[in-house]
Amino acid sequence: MTDSKDPREAKLPEKSNFSEWYHELLKSAEIIDVRYPVKGMCVWYPFGFALRRSVYNIIKELLDVDHYETQFPLLIPEQEFMKEAEHIKGFEDEVYWVTHGGTSPLDVKLALRPTSETAIYPMFKLWIRSHADLPLRVYQIINTFRYETKHTRPLIRLREITSFKEAHTAHATWDEAAAQVEVAVERYAEFYRRLAIPFLTCKRPSWDKFPGADYSIALDVIMPDGRTLQVGTAHLLGTNFAKTYGITYEDAEGEQRLVNQSCYGISERCIAALISVHGDDRGLILPWEVAPIQVVIVPIVFGDKAPIIEACRALERELSAAGIRVKVDEGDERPGAKFYRWEMRGVPIRLELGPRDMAKGQVVIVRRDGAKRAVPRDGIVEAVIEEGHALQEVLAKKARASMEEHIRLVQTVEEAIEQVKTGVARIRWCGSVDCGHQLEDLVGANMLGEPREEPLLPGPCPICNASTTGSTYMARQY
């Protein structure tokens, strides 16, 4: 049974009710439609997909410097998928299997990729022959499938991840692969800087690393309700997969050696973070660089509308010629209804132009955060770009302050229990696996891992009392 009401017409709840606000905003701002009749699979609205394209253009730009974009098949033969024991153990409960072609049973079951190591590395074995072929760096943006049995959430926890950017690299030495992991983290930091989204960077505990990795570095965003969302990972694979798939190269002395590998990925969770961190009670607030529509022009019409409409179209032509994504709203609604619609979609800049403005030779600029001023018509392009960049700085500063408000250094398990109800706790940890598991059990939250920040002053581990400068972030995760 379908809902006859247009989902875009619903009133947006206050952001303090984050779960309802988030789900309603995805509909009202036309990002994702969840009404597709398969649980955990969603449809991108055209506006949402335009936002996705703008966001992913940034990561493509950052990777294209020294990576090759490619695409590998969706289906992975069972024998290839099952080769790496630790890897398959990490995904065995999440794999979709294709067992028939039409009505005929397949001789070999085929996995719908949950991730692509087992699809890519048999080909790396064929491509890599000598040290001259290294380093090899490729990436793809594809869909992956995981049979998620928990509560699914649009863009956050899905059965079809529609926008998985995964990079895979091969190197001559472990140190070179480890250095590539650092490059990946730096690129991701730049990516999120351009989205004005602050994040935590942690080395995941050994029991939460990527299956088959030597270690994993993860990026986490603190959402408005204090939970964290993992929005990027980088893994040092070492020679683990190279041993399994026989990926070797001939070194300068003619010896055969195993390659060392890394992989790193980002999914559409980056869109979820963008929406959640910056949005407000009126809808989206999009950074200037990624907004599908950067400027909307709203005519303020009294009497004869023809001169106003033509003046707005002239503004549109001038801004468009300067490379700005701009639209004139020539609809018949009152200005207030137009303001509401474009605020919901997070358009960074609104221009208002009426007869009085024309008489004064000015245009009114309204930023999505509410800042408003009149500027001379002749300098409109420069003024718009200036305000777009100013909004970016405002968003970054506000998001940073919000993140810091959600983090607290605690000394005891009891303080950590209280803190993770609404945010992230940083607590001392000696590094012991046993102490780590006890911390997770007692606090009732996940250990994000060792922060990539200055160590704490020496103090007691809250579990074993051993003196340590080490610590971990703890939080409830999506």
Protein backbone atom coordinates (compact mmCIF):
# COMPACT_ATOMS: atom_id res chain seq x y z
CA MET A 1 0.00 0.00 0.00
CA THR A 2 1.47 3.37 -0.99
CA ASP A 3 1.21 6.64 0.88
CA SER A 4 -0.94 9.01 -1.17
CA LYS A 5 0.54 12.09 0.48
CA ASP A 6 3.50 13.70 -1.25
CA PRO A 7 6.37 13.05 1.22
CA ARG A 8 7.93 16.40 0.31
CA GLU A 9 5.01 18.34 1.83
CA ALA A 10 5.47 17.22 5.43
CA LYS A 11 6.53 19.76 8.06
CA LEU A 12 10.09 19.31 9.28
CA PRO A 13 10.44 18.35 12.98
CA GLU A 14 12.92 20.24 15.12
CA LYS A 15 16.51 19.03 14.80
CA SER A 16 16.61 18.30 18.52
CA ASN A 17 14.45 15.29 17.60
CA PHE A 18 17.29 14.11 15.40
CA SER A 19 15.98 10.77 14.13
CA GLU A 20 12.63 12.14 12.94
CA TRP A 21 14.26 15.32 11.63
CA TYR A 22 16.78 13.34 9.60
CA HIS A 23 14.28 10.99 7.99
CA GLU A 24 11.82 13.78 7.20
CA LEU A 25 14.54 16.00 5.74
CA LEU A 26 15.69 13.30 3.35
CA LYS A 27 12.18 13.32 1.89
CA SER A 28 11.34 17.00 2.10
CA ALA A 29 14.65 18.11 0.58
CA GLU A 30 14.40 15.37 -2.08
CA ILE A 31 17.61 13.53 -1.24
CA ILE A 32 16.55 9.89 -0.90
CA ASP A 33 13.22 8.12 -1.35
CA VAL A 34 12.96 5.12 0.98
CA ARG A 35 9.74 3.72 -0.53
CA TYR A 36 11.52 1.24 -2.81
CA PRO A 37 10.00 -2.18 -2.01
CA VAL A 38 13.21 -3.83 -0.76
CA LYS A 39 14.31 -3.20 2.81
CA GLY A 40 17.56 -1.27 3.06
CA MET A 41 17.55 -0.13 -0.58
CA CYS A 42 16.74 3.46 -1.49
CA VAL A 43 16.32 5.63 -4.59
CA TRP A 44 18.17 8.89 -5.12
CA TYR A 45 15.96 11.83 -6.08
CA PRO A 46 17.54 13.83 -8.95
CA PHE A 47 18.37 16.69 -6.54
CA GLY A 48 19.98 14.28 -4.09
CA PHE A 49 21.97 12.64 -6.85
CA ALA A 50 23.18 16.05 -8.03
CA LEU A 51 24.43 16.67 -4.49
CA ARG A 52 26.10 13.26 -4.48
CA ARG A 53 27.80 14.05 -7.79
CA SER A 54 29.18 17.35 -6.48
CA VAL A 55 30.50 15.70 -3.33
CA TYR A 56 32.10 12.77 -5.14
CA ASN A 57 33.70 15.08 -7.67
CA ILE A 58 35.88 16.31 -4.81
CA ILE A 59 37.15 12.86 -3.90
CA LYS A 60 37.72 12.04 -7.56
CA GLU A 61 39.73 15.25 -7.95
CA LEU A 62 41.85 14.34 -4.91
CA LEU A 63 42.50 10.78 -6.08
CA ASP A 64 42.99 11.40 -9.79
CA VAL A 65 46.35 13.03 -9.02
CA ASP A 66 48.00 9.62 -8.68
CA HIS A 67 45.26 6.95 -8.86
CA TYR A 68 43.58 5.37 -11.89
CA GLU A 69 39.80 5.08 -11.85
CA THR A 70 38.56 1.67 -12.92
CA GLN A 71 35.67 -0.74 -12.45
CA PHE A 72 35.62 -4.39 -11.46
CA PRO A 73 32.74 -6.87 -11.77
CA LEU A 74 29.94 -7.07 -9.23
CA LEU A 75 29.96 -10.89 -9.05
CA ILE A 76 32.77 -12.75 -7.29
CA PRO A 77 33.23 -16.53 -7.73
CA GLU A 78 32.85 -18.44 -4.49
CA GLN A 79 36.33 -19.98 -4.70
CA GLU A 80 37.97 -16.56 -4.96
CA PHE A 81 35.82 -15.07 -2.22
CA MET A 82 36.53 -17.90 0.19
CA LYS A 83 40.33 -17.86 -0.15
CA GLU A 84 41.15 -15.33 2.59
CA ALA A 85 39.86 -16.92 5.78
CA GLU A 86 39.94 -13.88 8.08
CA HIS A 87 38.36 -11.71 5.40
CA ILE A 88 35.43 -14.03 4.68
CA LYS A 89 34.88 -14.58 8.41
CA GLY A 90 34.30 -10.82 8.70
CA PHE A 91 31.63 -10.86 6.00
CA GLU A 92 30.16 -14.37 6.05
CA ASP A 93 26.85 -13.30 7.61
CA GLU A 94 26.40 -10.38 5.21
CA VAL A 95 26.92 -11.92 1.76
CA TYR A 96 24.20 -12.20 -0.85
CA TRP A 97 24.73 -15.27 -3.05
CA VAL A 98 23.61 -15.75 -6.66
CA THR A 99 22.87 -19.44 -7.16
CA HIS A 100 20.87 -19.53 -10.41
CA GLY A 101 21.09 -18.16 -13.91
CA GLY A 102 17.46 -18.10 -14.96
CA THR A 103 16.14 -21.49 -13.89
CA SER A 104 19.51 -23.27 -14.14
CA PRO A 105 21.62 -23.79 -11.02
CA LEU A 106 25.10 -22.31 -11.35
CA ASP A 107 28.11 -24.59 -11.19
CA VAL A 108 29.85 -22.01 -8.98
CA LYS A 109 27.99 -19.74 -6.57
CA LEU A 110 28.62 -16.04 -7.11
CA ALA A 111 28.80 -13.48 -4.30
CA LEU A 112 27.42 -9.98 -4.71
CA ARG A 113 30.46 -7.98 -3.60
CA PRO A 114 30.27 -6.79 0.02
CA THR A 115 33.67 -5.20 -0.73
CA SER A 116 36.02 -5.85 -3.63
CA GLU A 117 39.35 -7.21 -2.35
CA THR A 118 38.51 -10.70 -3.57
CA ALA A 119 37.42 -9.37 -6.96
CA ILE A 120 40.42 -7.09 -7.51
CA TYR A 121 43.38 -9.05 -6.18
CA PRO A 122 43.21 -12.00 -8.62
CA MET A 123 43.64 -9.35 -11.32
CA PHE A 124 46.50 -7.66 -9.44
CA LYS A 125 48.28 -11.03 -9.66
CA LEU A 126 48.01 -10.82 -13.46
CA TRP A 127 48.89 -7.13 -13.76
CA ILE A 128 51.93 -6.96 -11.49
CA ARG A 129 55.12 -8.56 -12.79
CA SER A 130 58.11 -6.43 -11.73
CA HIS A 131 59.08 -3.55 -9.47
CA ALA A 132 58.49 -1.28 -12.48
CA ASP A 133 54.72 -1.97 -12.11
CA LEU A 134 54.73 -0.54 -8.57
CA PRO A 135 53.23 1.36 -6.94
CA LEU A 136 49.83 0.49 -8.40
CA ARG A 137 46.92 2.65 -7.25
CA VAL A 138 43.34 2.20 -8.49
CA TYR A 139 39.91 3.20 -7.26
CA GLN A 140 36.30 2.66 -8.22
CA ILE A 141 32.92 4.12 -7.21
CA ILE A 142 30.42 1.30 -7.22
CA ASN A 143 27.56 -0.33 -5.34
CA THR A 144 28.14 -3.06 -2.78
CA PHE A 145 25.69 -5.35 -1.03
CA ARG A 146 25.60 -6.44 2.59
CA TYR A 147 22.78 -8.36 4.20
CA GLU A 148 22.33 -5.95 7.07
CA THR A 149 20.14 -7.52 9.74
CA LYS A 150 20.09 -4.57 12.13
CA HIS A 151 17.78 -1.58 11.80
CA THR A 152 18.51 0.00 8.42
CA ARG A 153 18.85 3.79 8.06
CA PRO A 154 18.94 5.73 4.78
CA LEU A 155 22.53 6.61 3.76
CA ILE A 156 23.81 5.24 7.09
CA ARG A 157 23.10 1.50 7.29
CA LEU A 158 21.96 -0.07 4.04
CA ARG A 159 21.74 -3.37 2.25
CA GLU A 160 22.80 -1.71 -0.99
CA ILE A 161 25.58 0.82 -0.56
CA THR A 162 25.14 2.77 -3.78
CA SER A 163 28.19 5.03 -3.71
CA PHE A 164 31.13 3.10 -2.30
CA LYS A 165 34.45 4.68 -3.23
CA GLU A 166 37.15 2.09 -2.62
CA ALA A 167 40.83 2.49 -3.46
CA HIS A 168 43.33 -0.36 -3.61
CA THR A 169 47.11 -0.02 -3.82
CA ALA A 170 50.13 -2.29 -4.13
CA HIS A 171 53.70 -1.41 -3.10
CA ALA A 172 57.13 -2.94 -2.88
CA THR A 173 57.49 -2.64 0.91
CA TRP A 174 55.41 -2.56 4.07
CA ASP A 175 56.68 0.95 4.85
CA GLU A 176 55.56 2.24 1.45
CA ALA A 177 52.10 0.74 1.97
CA ALA A 178 51.93 2.29 5.45
CA ALA A 179 52.92 5.65 3.96
CA GLN A 180 50.05 5.28 1.47
CA VAL A 181 47.64 4.82 4.38
CA GLU A 182 48.84 8.18 5.72
CA VAL A 183 48.31 9.75 2.28
CA ALA A 184 44.76 8.37 2.26
CA VAL A 185 44.03 9.87 5.68
CA GLU A 186 45.41 13.23 4.49
CA ARG A 187 43.25 13.14 1.35
CA TYR A 188 40.18 12.33 3.41
CA ALA A 189 41.00 15.18 5.78
CA GLU A 190 41.09 17.56 2.81
CA PHE A 191 37.83 16.08 1.49
CA TYR A 192 36.01 16.72 4.75
CA ARG A 193 37.64 20.14 5.15
CA ARG A 194 36.03 21.12 1.85
CA LEU A 195 32.69 19.90 3.22
CA ALA A 196 33.30 21.87 6.46
CA ILE A 197 32.88 18.66 8.48
CA PRO A 198 35.21 18.03 11.46
CA PHE A 199 35.98 14.46 12.43
CA LEU A 200 37.90 12.24 14.84
CA THR A 201 40.78 10.08 13.56
CA CYS A 202 41.50 6.88 15.47
CA LYS A 203 43.43 3.66 15.10
CA ARG A 204 40.78 1.01 15.59
CA PRO A 205 41.37 -1.60 18.30
CA SER A 206 42.67 -4.93 17.04
CA TRP A 207 39.29 -6.64 17.38
CA ASP A 208 37.59 -3.99 15.25
CA LYS A 209 40.08 -3.69 12.38
CA PHE A 210 39.16 -4.55 8.78
CA PRO A 211 39.19 -8.35 8.29
CA GLY A 212 42.60 -9.25 6.84
CA ALA A 213 44.32 -5.97 7.74
CA ASP A 214 47.40 -5.38 9.89
CA TYR A 215 45.67 -2.28 11.25
CA SER A 216 42.87 0.16 10.40
CA ILE A 217 42.56 3.93 10.71
CA ALA A 218 39.02 5.30 10.85
CA LEU A 219 37.36 8.69 10.59
CA ASP A 220 34.28 9.33 12.73
CA VAL A 221 31.86 12.25 12.70
CA ILE A 222 29.90 13.11 15.84
CA MET A 223 26.26 13.36 14.86
CA PRO A 224 23.82 15.85 16.48
CA ASP A 225 22.55 13.24 18.96
CA GLY A 226 26.09 12.49 20.20
CA ARG A 227 26.46 9.14 18.43
CA THR A 228 29.32 8.69 16.00
CA LEU A 229 29.20 7.77 12.34
CA GLN A 230 32.19 6.11 10.68
CA VAL A 231 32.72 8.08 7.47
CA GLY A 232 36.00 6.75 6.14
CA THR A 233 38.56 4.03 6.71
CA ALA A 234 42.11 3.28 5.60
CA HIS A 235 43.63 -0.17 6.07
CA LEU A 236 47.21 -1.44 5.98
CA LEU A 237 46.88 -4.94 4.50
CA GLY A 238 50.58 -5.78 4.42
CA THR A 239 51.19 -9.07 2.61
CA ASN A 240 48.07 -10.85 3.93
CA PHE A 241 46.13 -10.82 0.66
CA ALA A 242 49.28 -11.05 -1.46
CA LYS A 243 50.06 -14.42 0.16
CA THR A 244 46.53 -15.66 -0.50
CA TYR A 245 46.37 -14.56 -4.14
CA GLY A 246 50.03 -15.00 -5.04
CA ILE A 247 50.64 -11.33 -5.88
CA THR A 248 54.40 -11.03 -6.36
CA TYR A 249 56.87 -8.84 -8.22
CA GLU A 250 60.41 -9.29 -9.39
CA ASP A 251 62.72 -6.89 -7.58
CA ALA A 252 65.81 -5.19 -9.03
CA GLU A 253 67.96 -8.21 -8.11
CA GLY A 254 65.63 -10.65 -9.86
CA GLU A 255 64.07 -12.02 -6.66
CA GLN A 256 60.34 -12.70 -6.39
CA ARG A 257 58.76 -10.81 -3.50
CA LEU A 258 55.24 -10.36 -2.17
CA VAL A 259 53.65 -6.95 -2.67
CA ASN A 260 52.40 -4.96 0.31
CA GLN A 261 48.93 -3.48 0.02
CA SER A 262 46.55 -0.88 1.37
CA CYS A 263 42.91 -0.10 0.76
CA TYR A 264 40.65 2.74 1.83
CA GLY A 265 37.03 3.70 1.34
CA ILE A 266 34.26 6.25 1.74
CA SER A 267 30.54 5.66 1.18
CA GLU A 268 27.40 7.78 0.96
CA ARG A 269 27.67 8.13 4.73
CA CYS A 270 29.61 11.29 3.84
CA ILE A 271 26.30 12.67 2.51
CA ALA A 272 24.54 11.64 5.73
CA ALA A 273 27.20 13.51 7.73
CA LEU A 274 26.94 16.57 5.48
CA ILE A 275 23.18 16.73 5.94
CA SER A 276 23.25 16.03 9.67
CA VAL A 277 26.11 18.26 10.77
CA HIS A 278 25.06 21.41 8.90
CA GLY A 279 21.26 21.19 8.65
CA ASP A 280 18.90 23.15 10.89
CA ASP A 281 15.20 23.33 11.74
CA ARG A 282 14.46 24.78 8.30
CA GLY A 283 16.26 22.10 6.29
CA LEU A 284 19.59 21.58 4.60
CA ILE A 285 22.50 24.00 4.72
CA LEU A 286 24.92 23.10 1.94
CA PRO A 287 28.48 24.33 1.60
CA TRP A 288 29.07 26.54 -1.41
CA GLU A 289 31.27 24.07 -3.28
CA VAL A 290 28.84 21.14 -3.36
CA ALA A 291 25.38 22.75 -3.51
CA PRO A 292 23.62 21.60 -6.72
CA ILE A 293 22.11 25.10 -6.88
CA GLN A 294 24.44 27.67 -5.35
CA VAL A 295 22.23 30.73 -5.93
CA VAL A 296 18.49 31.04 -6.30
CA ILE A 297 17.06 34.34 -7.55
CA VAL A 298 13.58 35.24 -6.25
CA PRO A 299 11.77 38.07 -8.02
CA ILE A 300 9.84 40.35 -5.65
CA VAL A 301 7.00 41.36 -7.93
CA PHE A 302 4.62 44.33 -7.58
CA GLY A 303 2.44 45.31 -10.54
CA ASP A 304 4.11 44.74 -13.89
CA LYS A 305 6.36 41.73 -13.41
CA ALA A 306 8.00 41.72 -16.86
CA PRO A 307 10.83 44.18 -16.01
CA ILE A 308 11.62 42.34 -12.78
CA ILE A 309 11.68 38.93 -14.45
CA GLU A 310 13.96 40.19 -17.21
CA ALA A 311 16.29 41.78 -14.67
CA CYS A 312 16.42 38.46 -12.77
CA ARG A 313 17.18 36.57 -15.97
CA ALA A 314 20.00 39.00 -16.71
CA LEU A 315 21.37 38.31 -13.23
CA GLU A 316 21.13 34.59 -13.92
CA ARG A 317 23.05 34.91 -17.19
CA GLU A 318 25.82 36.92 -15.56
CA LEU A 319 26.24 34.54 -12.64
CA SER A 320 26.09 31.48 -14.88
CA ALA A 321 28.77 32.94 -17.14
CA ALA A 322 30.97 33.20 -14.04
CA GLY A 323 30.58 29.45 -13.42
CA ILE A 324 27.99 29.74 -10.65
CA ARG A 325 25.13 27.23 -10.50
CA VAL A 326 22.09 29.53 -10.45
CA LYS A 327 18.33 29.38 -10.96
CA VAL A 328 15.57 31.99 -11.22
CA ASP A 329 12.39 30.90 -9.45
CA GLU A 330 9.68 32.21 -11.79
CA GLY A 331 6.89 30.23 -10.15
CA ASP A 332 3.57 31.80 -9.16
CA GLU A 333 3.90 31.23 -5.41
CA ARG A 334 4.37 34.07 -2.99
CA PRO A 335 8.00 34.89 -2.12
CA GLY A 336 7.64 33.33 1.34
CA ALA A 337 6.76 29.94 -0.14
CA LYS A 338 9.77 30.16 -2.43
CA PHE A 339 12.04 31.10 0.45
CA TYR A 340 10.82 28.05 2.38
CA ARG A 341 11.39 25.65 -0.52
CA TRP A 342 14.94 26.77 -1.27
CA GLU A 343 15.90 26.97 2.39
CA MET A 344 14.73 23.36 2.74
CA ARG A 345 17.11 22.40 -0.07
CA GLY A 346 20.00 24.21 1.52
CA VAL A 347 20.76 26.67 -1.29
CA PRO A 348 23.65 28.77 0.09
CA ILE A 349 22.68 32.15 -1.39
CA ARG A 350 19.30 33.71 -2.18
CA LEU A 351 19.10 36.89 -4.22
CA GLU A 352 16.02 39.06 -3.92
CA LEU A 353 15.25 41.67 -6.56
CA GLY A 354 12.22 43.93 -6.59
CA PRO A 355 11.25 47.34 -8.04
CA ARG A 356 12.79 49.27 -5.13
CA ASP A 357 16.04 47.35 -5.48
CA MET A 358 16.14 48.10 -9.20
CA ALA A 359 15.55 51.77 -8.52
CA LYS A 360 18.46 51.80 -6.06
CA GLY A 361 20.73 49.75 -8.35
CA GLN A 362 21.09 47.00 -5.76
CA VAL A 363 20.38 43.34 -5.06
CA VAL A 364 19.59 41.86 -1.65
CA ILE A 365 21.78 38.87 -0.71
CA VAL A 366 20.46 36.45 1.91
CA ARG A 367 22.80 33.72 3.08
CA ARG A 368 21.34 30.38 4.19
CA ASP A 369 22.49 31.05 7.77
CA GLY A 370 20.37 34.22 7.84
CA ALA A 371 23.00 36.89 7.13
CA LYS A 372 21.50 39.56 4.87
CA ARG A 373 22.79 42.64 3.09
CA ALA A 374 22.15 44.79 0.01
CA VAL A 375 24.99 45.04 -2.52
CA PRO A 376 25.45 47.12 -5.69
CA ARG A 377 24.12 45.40 -8.81
CA ASP A 378 27.38 46.03 -10.67
CA GLY A 379 29.47 43.97 -8.23
CA ILE A 380 27.08 41.08 -7.83
CA VAL A 381 29.38 38.24 -8.97
CA GLU A 382 32.16 39.15 -6.54
CA ALA A 383 29.68 39.72 -3.71
CA VAL A 384 27.99 36.35 -4.25
CA ILE A 385 31.28 34.45 -4.29
CA GLU A 386 32.44 36.30 -1.18
CA GLU A 387 29.27 35.38 0.69
CA GLY A 388 29.49 31.76 -0.48
CA HIS A 389 32.98 31.43 0.97
CA ALA A 390 31.95 33.27 4.13
CA LEU A 391 29.15 30.77 4.66
CA GLN A 392 31.68 27.94 4.30
CA GLU A 393 33.77 29.44 7.11
CA VAL A 394 30.71 29.91 9.32
CA LEU A 395 29.67 26.29 8.81
CA ALA A 396 33.16 24.97 9.57
CA LYS A 397 33.48 27.04 12.75
CA LYS A 398 30.02 26.08 13.99
CA ALA A 399 30.57 22.38 13.25
CA ARG A 400 33.95 22.40 15.02
CA ALA A 401 32.43 24.02 18.12
CA SER A 402 29.62 21.46 18.16
CA MET A 403 32.05 18.56 17.91
CA GLU A 404 34.20 19.88 20.74
CA GLU A 405 31.13 20.35 22.93
CA HIS A 406 30.35 16.66 22.49
CA ILE A 407 33.78 15.40 23.66
CA ARG A 408 34.81 15.11 27.29
CA LEU A 409 37.91 13.71 28.97
CA VAL A 410 36.80 11.37 31.75
CA GLN A 411 38.72 9.57 34.48
CA THR A 412 36.39 6.78 35.53
CA VAL A 413 34.06 4.20 34.03
CA GLU A 414 31.13 5.89 35.77
CA GLU A 415 31.95 9.23 34.10
CA ALA A 416 32.28 7.47 30.74
CA ILE A 417 28.87 5.83 31.13
CA GLU A 418 27.29 9.23 31.68
CA GLN A 419 29.21 10.95 28.88
CA VAL A 420 28.37 8.46 26.09
CA LYS A 421 24.67 9.11 26.64
CA THR A 422 25.07 12.41 24.77
CA GLY A 423 28.56 12.43 23.30
CA VAL A 424 32.05 10.96 23.15
CA ALA A 425 34.23 10.06 26.12
CA ARG A 426 38.01 10.10 26.01
CA ILE A 427 39.31 7.78 28.68
CA ARG A 428 42.71 6.32 29.56
CA TRP A 429 43.41 2.82 28.24
CA CYS A 430 46.59 0.82 28.70
CA GLY A 431 46.21 -0.88 25.32
CA SER A 432 45.42 -4.33 26.71
CA VAL A 433 42.80 -6.26 24.77
CA ASP A 434 41.26 -7.57 28.00
CA CYS A 435 40.98 -4.07 29.44
CA GLY A 436 39.52 -2.85 26.17
CA HIS A 437 36.78 -5.48 26.15
CA GLN A 438 35.97 -4.76 29.79
CA LEU A 439 35.73 -1.05 29.05
CA GLU A 440 33.26 -1.69 26.22
CA ASP A 441 31.18 -4.02 28.40
CA LEU A 442 31.13 -1.72 31.43
CA VAL A 443 30.57 1.55 29.57
CA GLY A 444 28.05 0.08 27.16
CA ALA A 445 29.64 1.76 24.16
CA ASN A 446 32.08 1.02 21.37
CA MET A 447 35.78 1.76 21.54
CA LEU A 448 36.72 3.95 18.57
CA GLY A 449 40.39 3.41 19.29
CA GLU A 450 43.53 5.42 19.93
CA PRO A 451 43.15 9.12 19.08
CA ARG A 452 45.71 10.60 16.71
CA GLU A 453 46.32 13.43 19.12
CA GLU A 454 48.76 14.35 21.87
CA PRO A 455 48.98 11.59 24.52
CA LEU A 456 47.58 12.28 27.94
CA LEU A 457 49.70 12.84 31.02
CA PRO A 458 50.44 9.57 32.85
CA GLY A 459 47.52 8.22 34.83
CA PRO A 460 45.88 4.91 35.80
CA CYS A 461 44.01 2.69 33.35
CA PRO A 462 40.49 2.54 34.86
CA ILE A 463 40.45 -1.25 34.55
CA CYS A 464 43.89 -2.55 35.61
CA ASN A 465 45.30 0.60 37.29
CA ALA A 466 48.51 0.41 35.24
CA SER A 467 50.05 3.84 34.59
CA THR A 468 49.57 4.88 30.98
CA THR A 469 49.59 7.89 28.65
CA GLY A 470 47.39 5.98 26.19
CA SER A 471 43.68 6.64 25.74
CA THR A 472 40.70 5.77 23.61
CA TYR A 473 37.54 7.47 22.42
CA MET A 474 34.33 5.69 23.35
CA ALA A 475 30.91 6.33 21.86
CA ARG A 476 27.65 4.83 20.79
CA GLN A 477 27.90 4.25 17.06
CA TYR A 478 25.52 4.16 14.14
